[in-house]
Amino acid sequence: MSMQSHLAELERRHAEMERKIEDAQIRPSTDSLQLADMKRQKLKIKDEITRIRENETLH
């Protein structure tokens, strides 16, 4: 997998997590721990995207 395709996949996963979080926040039955976990996952993905982009600019 090329770095560009990996980055595109991460961006897709990040957008998907954003949608899931928005949907969960609308539902009053959403577990706050589950919501916090989804937010952590989204942040990890964003951190990896940022790390990859920073490495690309250094090379």
N, C-alpha and C. Protein backbone atom coordinates (compact mmCIF):
# COMPACT_ATOMS: atom_id res chain seq x y z
N MET A 1 0.86 -1.18 0.00
CA MET A 1 0.00 0.00 0.00
C MET A 1 0.90 1.23 0.00
N SER A 2 0.65 2.11 -0.95
CA SER A 2 1.44 3.34 -1.00
C SER A 2 1.06 4.27 0.14
N MET A 3 1.92 5.21 0.44
CA MET A 3 1.66 6.13 1.53
C MET A 3 0.43 6.98 1.23
N GLN A 4 0.24 7.36 -0.02
CA GLN A 4 -0.93 8.16 -0.40
C GLN A 4 -2.23 7.38 -0.21
N SER A 5 -2.22 6.11 -0.58
CA SER A 5 -3.44 5.31 -0.40
C SER A 5 -3.70 5.04 1.08
N HIS A 6 -2.64 4.89 1.85
CA HIS A 6 -2.79 4.71 3.31
C HIS A 6 -3.38 5.98 3.92
N LEU A 7 -2.88 7.12 3.51
CA LEU A 7 -3.39 8.40 3.99
C LEU A 7 -4.85 8.58 3.62
N ALA A 8 -5.21 8.22 2.40
CA ALA A 8 -6.60 8.32 1.95
C ALA A 8 -7.50 7.42 2.78
N GLU A 9 -7.03 6.23 3.10
CA GLU A 9 -7.80 5.30 3.92
C GLU A 9 -8.00 5.86 5.33
N LEU A 10 -6.95 6.44 5.90
CA LEU A 10 -7.06 7.05 7.23
C LEU A 10 -8.06 8.21 7.21
N GLU A 11 -8.01 9.02 6.17
CA GLU A 11 -8.96 10.13 6.06
C GLU A 11 -10.39 9.63 5.95
N ARG A 12 -10.58 8.53 5.22
CA ARG A 12 -11.91 7.93 5.10
C ARG A 12 -12.39 7.43 6.46
N ARG A 13 -11.50 6.75 7.19
CA ARG A 13 -11.86 6.24 8.52
C ARG A 13 -12.17 7.38 9.49
N HIS A 14 -11.41 8.47 9.38
CA HIS A 14 -11.63 9.64 10.25
C HIS A 14 -13.02 10.23 9.99
N ALA A 15 -13.38 10.38 8.72
CA ALA A 15 -14.69 10.92 8.37
C ALA A 15 -15.81 9.98 8.83
N GLU A 16 -15.59 8.68 8.71
CA GLU A 16 -16.57 7.70 9.16
C GLU A 16 -16.76 7.79 10.68
N MET A 17 -15.67 7.94 11.42
CA MET A 17 -15.78 8.08 12.87
C MET A 17 -16.52 9.35 13.23
N GLU A 18 -16.29 10.42 12.50
CA GLU A 18 -16.99 11.68 12.74
C GLU A 18 -18.51 11.48 12.59
N ARG A 19 -18.91 10.79 11.54
CA ARG A 19 -20.34 10.51 11.32
C ARG A 19 -20.92 9.66 12.45
N LYS A 20 -20.18 8.64 12.86
CA LYS A 20 -20.65 7.77 13.94
C LYS A 20 -20.81 8.55 15.24
N ILE A 21 -19.86 9.44 15.52
CA ILE A 21 -19.93 10.24 16.74
C ILE A 21 -21.13 11.18 16.69
N GLU A 22 -21.33 11.82 15.55
CA GLU A 22 -22.48 12.72 15.40
C GLU A 22 -23.79 11.97 15.59
N ASP A 23 -23.89 10.78 15.00
CA ASP A 23 -25.10 9.96 15.15
C ASP A 23 -25.31 9.57 16.61
N ALA A 24 -24.22 9.19 17.28
CA ALA A 24 -24.32 8.76 18.67
C ALA A 24 -24.74 9.91 19.58
N GLN A 25 -24.29 11.11 19.29
CA GLN A 25 -24.63 12.26 20.12
C GLN A 25 -26.10 12.64 19.98
N ILE A 26 -26.70 12.31 18.87
CA ILE A 26 -28.12 12.61 18.65
C ILE A 26 -28.99 11.69 19.50
N ARG A 27 -28.56 10.43 19.66
CA ARG A 27 -29.35 9.44 20.39
C ARG A 27 -29.14 9.60 21.90
N PRO A 28 -30.21 9.76 22.64
CA PRO A 28 -30.07 9.90 24.09
C PRO A 28 -29.62 8.61 24.78
N SER A 29 -29.77 7.49 24.09
CA SER A 29 -29.41 6.21 24.71
C SER A 29 -27.93 5.86 24.58
N THR A 30 -27.16 6.72 23.96
CA THR A 30 -25.74 6.43 23.76
C THR A 30 -24.99 6.44 25.08
N ASP A 31 -24.19 5.42 25.27
CA ASP A 31 -23.36 5.28 26.46
C ASP A 31 -22.21 6.29 26.38
N SER A 32 -22.01 7.05 27.44
CA SER A 32 -20.97 8.08 27.43
C SER A 32 -19.57 7.47 27.32
N LEU A 33 -19.37 6.28 27.86
CA LEU A 33 -18.07 5.62 27.73
C LEU A 33 -17.81 5.19 26.29
N GLN A 34 -18.85 4.72 25.63
CA GLN A 34 -18.73 4.32 24.23
C GLN A 34 -18.42 5.55 23.37
N LEU A 35 -19.09 6.65 23.65
CA LEU A 35 -18.86 7.89 22.91
C LEU A 35 -17.42 8.37 23.13
N ALA A 36 -16.95 8.32 24.35
CA ALA A 36 -15.58 8.74 24.65
C ALA A 36 -14.57 7.85 23.91
N ASP A 37 -14.87 6.55 23.83
CA ASP A 37 -13.99 5.63 23.12
C ASP A 37 -13.94 5.96 21.63
N MET A 38 -15.08 6.27 21.05
CA MET A 38 -15.11 6.64 19.64
C MET A 38 -14.31 7.91 19.39
N LYS A 39 -14.41 8.86 20.30
CA LYS A 39 -13.65 10.11 20.16
C LYS A 39 -12.15 9.84 20.26
N ARG A 40 -11.76 8.93 21.15
CA ARG A 40 -10.34 8.57 21.26
C ARG A 40 -9.84 7.92 19.97
N GLN A 41 -10.65 7.03 19.40
CA GLN A 41 -10.28 6.38 18.15
C GLN A 41 -10.10 7.41 17.04
N LYS A 42 -11.03 8.35 16.98
CA LYS A 42 -10.96 9.40 15.96
C LYS A 42 -9.69 10.23 16.14
N LEU A 43 -9.36 10.56 17.38
CA LEU A 43 -8.16 11.34 17.66
C LEU A 43 -6.90 10.57 17.28
N LYS A 44 -6.86 9.27 17.55
CA LYS A 44 -5.71 8.46 17.15
C LYS A 44 -5.52 8.48 15.64
N ILE A 45 -6.62 8.38 14.91
CA ILE A 45 -6.55 8.42 13.46
C ILE A 45 -6.02 9.78 13.00
N LYS A 46 -6.55 10.85 13.60
CA LYS A 46 -6.10 12.19 13.23
C LYS A 46 -4.61 12.37 13.53
N ASP A 47 -4.16 11.87 14.67
CA ASP A 47 -2.75 11.96 15.02
C ASP A 47 -1.88 11.23 14.01
N GLU A 48 -2.33 10.07 13.55
CA GLU A 48 -1.56 9.32 12.55
C GLU A 48 -1.53 10.08 11.22
N ILE A 49 -2.66 10.67 10.83
CA ILE A 49 -2.70 11.48 9.60
C ILE A 49 -1.70 12.63 9.71
N THR A 50 -1.71 13.31 10.84
CA THR A 50 -0.80 14.44 11.05
C THR A 50 0.65 13.99 11.00
N ARG A 51 0.95 12.87 11.64
CA ARG A 51 2.32 12.35 11.65
C ARG A 51 2.80 12.03 10.24
N ILE A 52 1.95 11.40 9.45
CA ILE A 52 2.30 11.05 8.07
C ILE A 52 2.54 12.31 7.26
N ARG A 53 1.66 13.28 7.36
CA ARG A 53 1.82 14.52 6.60
C ARG A 53 3.09 15.26 7.00
N GLU A 54 3.41 15.27 8.29
CA GLU A 54 4.64 15.93 8.74
C GLU A 54 5.86 15.21 8.21
N ASN A 55 5.84 13.89 8.19
CA ASN A 55 6.96 13.11 7.65
C ASN A 55 7.12 13.36 6.16
N GLU A 56 6.01 13.52 5.44
CA GLU A 56 6.09 13.77 4.00
C GLU A 56 6.75 15.12 3.71
N THR A 57 6.45 16.12 4.53
CA THR A 57 7.04 17.45 4.30
C THR A 57 8.51 17.49 4.66
N LEU A 58 8.96 16.59 5.53
CA LEU A 58 10.37 16.55 5.91
C LEU A 58 11.22 15.88 4.85
N HIS A 59 10.62 15.05 4.03
CA HIS A 59 11.39 14.31 3.01
C HIS A 59 11.35 14.97 1.69
